[in-house]
Amino acid sequence: MNNYQPRWVKVKAEAAESSVLAAPVLEITAAEEGARPARRRKGFGQGLVEFALIAPLLLLIIFGIIDIARLVQAQVTVSNSARQAVRWAVTGQRERDGRNNNIPRDISISRIAVESLGGLPLDASVDDPSAFGFYRVRVLPDGTGAEPAGGKPNQYVQVDVFYNVQLLTPLVNAILPRVLVHGYERSVNEEWGAVTNFDHANLPPLPTPPPTWTPYMSPTPTMTPTPGLVIASYYSRRITGTGAQPLYVEVNVTDNLGNLITDATVNVTAVDISGVPSTGTLAHMTSNLYGACGAVTVNPPANVVQVSVTASKPGLASATYTWTNPPDEELACP
């Protein structure tokens, strides 16, 4: 009777035992929560140590990239400077000083090269190739030999430009503090010496262009002249004497544009005082200084009162010229 316990008492006892067993678990969890701030302080110090180890290498890479970019920029600049100086040198130009006197050719070329070194810190007082800001321009031929400075027309000319770049990268600049970059260009001088009296250094200004004319009405069609021959000039010479004597005639035959025609057929007719004509054909001279020259036999030449010349050529309109009382003149033909 005394050993009998109701069922609900056993259930309550089991629940109490389970709560007692769960209590230590809650105490462990609270201890872990109290230890978290200490772990955070320990991780922050570890990050500082890692950054201190990696920072020098990171800065070394950054400064290396900067120095490489500066070297590339310096190399491009000196190469362009040499190219601009050679392009100016091949034209044979020279600069002038304040008194309008010509500056030596090599000095003029060097000035053009230095003007093209924009963007680089230059120091003209530095003569040491290992110092910062050093630069030099060399022109070949340099004038010390038989050839003049800068060369003659149709001779080569070469320009070398040197510049010293100071490195910024730590540790590297202790071993290699500066790098000397070099740019050069070579070409052949033009025919600038053919015109001796031409002033290349002071060219006159270009004239002001006139205002543009705008038509306000339809232009009149231009008449195209018919291609033809022209008797540009004539000469004659009489041989005095008795009986039949030659009358020399010389003419210049051109086209409408004034070009000398040397293959036209030229016929001449001489009429004496009684109205009797004498005809002949003129021959072109091999020297091409005059159009055609020849003689007409008349009896006597002193009685000739009129001379007529006709020139013809296939494809061109013929030309005729007549003159009276032909004078005696000096001729190119015999």
Protein backbone atom coordinates (compact mmCIF):
# COMPACT_ATOMS: atom_id res chain seq x y z
CA MET A 1 0.00 0.00 0.00
CA ASN A 2 2.85 2.37 0.93
CA ASN A 3 4.81 1.55 -2.28
CA TYR A 4 2.01 2.65 -4.56
CA GLN A 5 2.56 5.96 -6.35
CA PRO A 6 0.20 7.53 -8.84
CA ARG A 7 1.23 7.79 -12.45
CA TRP A 8 1.18 11.62 -12.48
CA VAL A 9 3.88 11.65 -9.73
CA LYS A 10 6.31 9.69 -11.96
CA VAL A 11 5.77 12.06 -14.86
CA LYS A 12 6.48 15.08 -12.68
CA ALA A 13 9.65 13.49 -11.31
CA GLU A 14 10.96 12.73 -14.84
CA ALA A 15 10.30 16.36 -15.86
CA ALA A 16 12.28 17.61 -12.90
CA GLU A 17 15.22 15.35 -13.72
CA SER A 18 15.26 16.59 -17.32
CA SER A 19 15.29 20.25 -16.19
CA VAL A 20 18.18 19.57 -13.86
CA LEU A 21 20.19 17.96 -16.65
CA ALA A 22 19.52 20.89 -19.01
CA ALA A 23 20.70 23.54 -16.56
CA PRO A 24 24.47 22.99 -17.06
CA VAL A 25 24.02 23.42 -20.83
CA LEU A 26 22.63 26.91 -20.30
CA GLU A 27 25.59 27.81 -18.06
CA ILE A 28 28.15 26.75 -20.78
CA THR A 29 26.40 28.85 -23.40
CA ALA A 30 26.60 31.93 -21.21
CA ALA A 31 30.35 31.41 -20.67
CA GLU A 32 30.96 31.28 -24.39
CA GLU A 33 29.01 34.49 -24.86
CA GLY A 34 31.23 36.24 -22.34
CA ALA A 35 34.40 35.20 -24.21
CA ARG A 36 33.47 36.79 -27.61
CA PRO A 37 34.83 40.35 -27.00
CA ALA A 38 38.28 38.96 -26.27
CA ARG A 39 38.35 37.15 -29.61
CA ARG A 40 37.52 40.37 -31.51
CA ARG A 41 40.42 42.28 -29.94
CA LYS A 42 42.79 39.48 -30.87
CA GLY A 43 41.67 39.50 -34.62
CA PHE A 44 42.13 43.32 -34.94
CA GLY A 45 45.77 43.14 -33.86
CA GLN A 46 46.42 40.32 -36.33
CA GLY A 47 45.10 42.51 -39.22
CA LEU A 48 47.50 45.33 -38.30
CA VAL A 49 50.45 42.95 -38.41
CA GLU A 50 49.41 41.58 -41.79
CA PHE A 51 48.96 45.11 -43.25
CA ALA A 52 52.40 46.13 -41.92
CA LEU A 53 53.91 43.17 -43.74
CA ILE A 54 52.11 43.72 -47.07
CA ALA A 55 52.23 47.56 -47.20
CA PRO A 56 55.91 47.89 -48.34
CA LEU A 57 55.35 45.48 -51.20
CA LEU A 58 52.15 47.28 -52.21
CA LEU A 59 53.88 50.69 -52.19
CA LEU A 60 56.79 49.22 -54.17
CA ILE A 61 54.38 48.06 -56.89
CA ILE A 62 52.56 51.42 -57.00
CA PHE A 63 55.77 53.46 -57.29
CA GLY A 64 57.08 51.01 -59.91
CA ILE A 65 54.01 51.58 -62.06
CA ILE A 66 54.48 55.36 -61.72
CA ASP A 67 58.16 55.16 -62.74
CA ILE A 68 57.38 52.97 -65.74
CA ALA A 69 54.78 55.49 -66.90
CA ARG A 70 57.28 58.36 -66.47
CA LEU A 71 59.90 56.47 -68.48
CA VAL A 72 57.44 55.79 -71.30
CA GLN A 73 56.34 59.43 -71.32
CA ALA A 74 59.96 60.64 -71.46
CA GLN A 75 60.86 58.23 -74.26
CA VAL A 76 57.87 59.30 -76.36
CA THR A 77 58.69 62.98 -75.78
CA VAL A 78 62.37 62.77 -76.80
CA SER A 79 61.48 60.70 -79.89
CA ASN A 80 58.90 63.28 -80.95
CA SER A 81 61.39 66.09 -80.28
CA ALA A 82 63.99 64.52 -82.58
CA ARG A 83 61.33 63.94 -85.26
CA GLN A 84 60.13 67.54 -85.18
CA ALA A 85 63.70 68.88 -85.34
CA VAL A 86 64.57 66.72 -88.37
CA ARG A 87 61.37 67.70 -90.20
CA TRP A 88 62.37 71.34 -89.70
CA ALA A 89 66.05 70.76 -90.57
CA VAL A 90 65.50 69.15 -94.00
CA THR A 91 63.87 72.37 -95.26
CA GLY A 92 67.11 74.35 -94.84
CA GLN A 93 65.56 76.99 -92.58
CA ARG A 94 67.40 79.12 -90.04
CA GLU A 95 66.17 81.22 -87.16
CA ARG A 96 67.08 84.88 -86.69
CA ASP A 97 68.24 86.77 -83.62
CA GLY A 98 67.08 90.16 -82.35
CA ARG A 99 69.29 91.96 -84.89
CA ASN A 100 67.78 89.99 -87.79
CA ASN A 101 70.98 87.99 -88.28
CA ASN A 102 70.95 84.31 -89.20
CA ILE A 103 71.54 81.92 -86.28
CA PRO A 104 73.88 78.96 -87.07
CA ARG A 105 71.99 76.05 -88.51
CA ASP A 106 72.84 73.53 -85.75
CA ILE A 107 71.75 75.95 -83.02
CA SER A 108 68.47 76.60 -84.83
CA ILE A 109 67.80 72.87 -85.08
CA SER A 110 68.62 72.39 -81.37
CA ARG A 111 66.15 75.13 -80.41
CA ILE A 112 63.35 73.42 -82.30
CA ALA A 113 64.14 70.16 -80.52
CA VAL A 114 64.15 71.79 -77.06
CA GLU A 115 60.83 73.54 -77.77
CA SER A 116 59.31 70.08 -78.41
CA LEU A 117 60.37 68.76 -74.97
CA GLY A 118 57.25 70.12 -73.32
CA GLY A 119 56.15 68.32 -70.16
CA LEU A 120 59.67 67.38 -69.00
CA PRO A 121 61.46 69.30 -66.22
CA LEU A 122 64.60 70.70 -67.88
CA ASP A 123 67.67 72.34 -66.34
CA ALA A 124 69.95 74.04 -68.88
CA SER A 125 72.66 74.60 -66.25
CA VAL A 126 73.24 70.86 -65.65
CA ASP A 127 76.17 69.35 -67.54
CA ASP A 128 76.42 66.06 -65.64
CA PRO A 129 74.64 63.25 -67.57
CA SER A 130 73.85 61.53 -64.25
CA ALA A 131 72.16 64.59 -62.69
CA PHE A 132 68.42 65.25 -62.57
CA GLY A 133 67.12 67.57 -65.32
CA PHE A 134 70.00 66.85 -67.71
CA TYR A 135 69.19 67.04 -71.44
CA ARG A 136 71.24 67.41 -74.62
CA VAL A 137 70.58 67.76 -78.36
CA ARG A 138 73.17 66.56 -80.90
CA VAL A 139 73.02 67.44 -84.61
CA LEU A 140 74.97 65.39 -87.17
CA PRO A 141 76.94 66.41 -89.15
CA ASP A 142 78.10 68.73 -86.36
CA GLY A 143 80.28 70.99 -88.54
CA THR A 144 83.62 69.81 -87.15
CA GLY A 145 84.52 67.95 -90.34
CA ALA A 146 84.32 68.78 -94.02
CA GLU A 147 80.52 68.88 -94.01
CA PRO A 148 78.69 71.92 -92.56
CA ALA A 149 76.49 71.58 -89.50
CA GLY A 150 73.21 69.97 -90.49
CA GLY A 151 74.54 68.84 -93.88
CA LYS A 152 74.10 70.21 -97.39
CA PRO A 153 71.16 69.69 -99.76
CA ASN A 154 70.65 65.98 -100.62
CA GLN A 155 72.84 64.97 -97.64
CA TYR A 156 71.67 63.23 -94.49
CA VAL A 157 70.92 65.04 -91.22
CA GLN A 158 70.47 63.30 -87.85
CA VAL A 159 69.18 64.67 -84.54
CA ASP A 160 69.76 62.88 -81.19
CA VAL A 161 67.94 63.98 -78.03
CA PHE A 162 68.99 62.77 -74.53
CA TYR A 163 67.12 63.22 -71.24
CA ASN A 164 67.73 61.95 -67.69
CA VAL A 165 64.73 60.54 -65.76
CA GLN A 166 64.98 60.36 -61.95
CA LEU A 167 63.32 57.24 -60.46
CA LEU A 168 60.95 57.50 -57.48
CA THR A 169 60.60 53.84 -56.47
CA PRO A 170 62.14 53.17 -53.02
CA LEU A 171 65.02 50.66 -52.90
CA VAL A 172 65.19 50.72 -56.71
CA ASN A 173 66.37 54.35 -56.83
CA ALA A 174 69.13 53.45 -54.39
CA ILE A 175 70.53 51.01 -56.96
CA LEU A 176 69.49 52.84 -60.17
CA PRO A 177 68.68 56.47 -59.30
CA ARG A 178 68.35 57.74 -62.90
CA VAL A 179 67.74 56.41 -66.42
CA LEU A 180 69.01 58.20 -69.55
CA VAL A 181 66.48 57.94 -72.42
CA HIS A 182 67.52 58.58 -76.03
CA GLY A 183 65.50 59.51 -79.11
CA TYR A 184 66.85 60.06 -82.61
CA GLU A 185 65.63 60.66 -86.16
CA ARG A 186 67.47 60.70 -89.51
CA SER A 187 66.48 62.02 -92.94
CA VAL A 188 67.83 63.57 -96.17
CA ASN A 189 67.89 67.31 -96.79
CA GLU A 190 65.70 68.74 -99.53
CA GLU A 191 66.83 70.86 -102.52
CA TRP A 192 66.68 74.03 -100.45
CA GLY A 193 70.03 75.27 -101.78
CA ALA A 194 68.79 75.59 -105.39
CA VAL A 195 67.30 79.06 -104.73
CA THR A 196 70.20 81.07 -103.25
CA ASN A 197 68.43 84.38 -102.68
CA PHE A 198 65.31 82.95 -101.03
CA ASP A 199 64.88 83.88 -97.39
CA HIS A 200 63.49 80.79 -95.69
CA ALA A 201 63.54 82.34 -92.22
CA ASN A 202 61.27 85.29 -92.98
CA LEU A 203 58.60 84.33 -95.44
CA PRO A 204 56.15 87.08 -96.37
CA PRO A 205 52.65 86.80 -94.95
CA LEU A 206 49.98 85.31 -97.13
CA PRO A 207 47.74 87.87 -98.84
CA THR A 208 44.26 88.38 -97.47
CA PRO A 209 41.83 86.39 -99.60
CA PRO A 210 39.25 88.53 -101.40
CA PRO A 211 35.63 88.27 -100.38
CA THR A 212 33.67 85.50 -102.00
CA TRP A 213 31.44 86.82 -104.80
CA THR A 214 27.95 85.42 -104.89
CA PRO A 215 26.29 85.64 -108.32
CA TYR A 216 22.85 87.19 -108.33
CA MET A 217 21.94 86.18 -111.86
CA SER A 218 22.69 83.42 -114.32
CA PRO A 219 26.09 83.97 -115.97
CA THR A 220 26.27 84.55 -119.69
CA PRO A 221 27.53 81.48 -121.57
CA THR A 222 31.17 81.87 -122.63
CA MET A 223 31.82 81.59 -126.33
CA THR A 224 34.47 79.01 -127.11
CA PRO A 225 36.69 80.25 -129.95
CA THR A 226 37.18 78.02 -132.97
CA PRO A 227 40.71 76.58 -132.99
CA GLY A 228 42.70 78.22 -135.73
CA LEU A 229 46.02 79.64 -136.90
CA VAL A 230 47.32 83.17 -136.47
CA ILE A 231 50.01 85.03 -138.43
CA ALA A 232 51.75 86.45 -135.38
CA SER A 233 54.51 88.45 -137.16
CA TYR A 234 56.03 88.90 -140.58
CA TYR A 235 59.30 90.15 -142.07
CA SER A 236 60.64 90.66 -145.62
CA ARG A 237 63.88 91.54 -147.37
CA ARG A 238 64.42 92.42 -151.02
CA ILE A 239 67.56 91.74 -153.06
CA THR A 240 68.29 94.61 -155.36
CA GLY A 241 69.57 93.92 -158.83
CA THR A 242 68.49 93.34 -162.41
CA GLY A 243 66.48 90.41 -163.64
CA ALA A 244 64.79 87.83 -161.48
CA GLN A 245 65.78 88.18 -157.82
CA PRO A 246 64.49 86.48 -154.63
CA LEU A 247 62.20 88.22 -152.17
CA TYR A 248 62.76 86.70 -148.72
CA VAL A 249 59.77 86.38 -146.44
CA GLU A 250 59.67 85.19 -142.86
CA VAL A 251 56.54 84.67 -140.70
CA ASN A 252 55.66 83.32 -137.25
CA VAL A 253 52.59 81.04 -137.13
CA THR A 254 50.80 80.35 -133.82
CA ASP A 255 47.45 79.02 -132.63
CA ASN A 256 44.78 80.93 -130.70
CA LEU A 257 46.66 80.37 -127.44
CA GLY A 258 49.98 81.71 -128.74
CA ASN A 259 51.73 78.37 -129.15
CA LEU A 260 54.23 78.28 -132.01
CA ILE A 261 53.12 76.04 -134.90
CA THR A 262 56.00 74.47 -136.81
CA ASP A 263 54.18 72.06 -139.12
CA ALA A 264 51.70 74.35 -140.92
CA THR A 265 51.83 74.79 -144.70
CA VAL A 266 52.70 78.42 -145.51
CA ASN A 267 52.19 79.80 -149.04
CA VAL A 268 53.29 83.31 -150.08
CA THR A 269 52.20 85.45 -153.05
CA ALA A 270 54.08 88.57 -154.14
CA VAL A 271 52.42 91.04 -156.56
CA ASP A 272 54.52 93.54 -158.50
CA ILE A 273 53.54 97.03 -159.60
CA SER A 274 52.00 95.74 -162.82
CA GLY A 275 49.77 93.25 -161.00
CA VAL A 276 51.70 90.08 -161.93
CA PRO A 277 51.73 87.60 -159.00
CA SER A 278 54.59 85.31 -157.98
CA THR A 279 53.94 82.38 -155.62
CA GLY A 280 56.02 80.11 -153.44
CA THR A 281 56.01 77.97 -150.31
CA LEU A 282 57.93 78.78 -147.12
CA ALA A 283 59.88 76.10 -145.25
CA HIS A 284 60.02 75.73 -141.45
CA MET A 285 63.38 76.30 -139.84
CA THR A 286 64.91 73.43 -137.86
CA SER A 287 65.82 75.71 -134.94
CA ASN A 288 62.09 76.38 -134.29
CA LEU A 289 62.95 79.96 -133.36
CA TYR A 290 60.70 81.22 -136.14
CA GLY A 291 57.74 79.74 -137.89
CA ALA A 292 58.63 79.57 -141.58
CA CYS A 293 61.06 81.24 -143.92
CA GLY A 294 61.66 81.20 -147.69
CA ALA A 295 61.94 83.23 -150.90
CA VAL A 296 59.74 84.12 -153.84
CA THR A 297 61.41 84.87 -157.18
CA VAL A 298 60.14 88.16 -158.64
CA ASN A 299 61.33 90.35 -161.52
CA PRO A 300 62.58 92.68 -160.16
CA PRO A 301 61.96 92.63 -156.37
CA ALA A 302 62.05 96.39 -156.14
CA ASN A 303 58.70 96.56 -157.96
CA VAL A 304 56.85 94.37 -155.39
CA VAL A 305 54.05 96.38 -153.84
CA GLN A 306 52.06 93.67 -151.99
CA VAL A 307 52.84 90.40 -150.18
CA SER A 308 50.17 87.91 -149.01
CA VAL A 309 50.84 84.93 -146.72
CA THR A 310 48.40 82.04 -146.08
CA ALA A 311 48.95 79.37 -143.35
CA SER A 312 46.93 76.16 -143.21
CA LYS A 313 46.88 72.97 -141.15
CA PRO A 314 44.38 70.10 -140.98
CA GLY A 315 41.96 70.51 -138.08
CA LEU A 316 42.63 74.24 -137.65
CA ALA A 317 41.17 77.28 -139.38
CA SER A 318 43.58 78.82 -141.90
CA ALA A 319 44.98 82.35 -141.53
CA THR A 320 45.88 84.96 -144.18
CA TYR A 321 47.75 88.21 -143.83
CA THR A 322 48.57 90.82 -146.49
CA TRP A 323 50.87 93.82 -146.30
CA THR A 324 51.89 96.45 -148.87
CA ASN A 325 55.22 98.03 -149.67
CA PRO A 326 57.22 95.35 -147.86
CA PRO A 327 60.20 96.86 -146.00
CA ASP A 328 63.73 95.52 -145.97
CA GLU A 329 64.46 93.91 -142.55
CA GLU A 330 66.95 91.55 -140.96
CA LEU A 331 65.76 87.95 -141.17
CA ALA A 332 66.73 84.74 -139.40
CA CYS A 333 66.70 82.83 -142.69
CA PRO A 334 69.58 83.17 -145.15
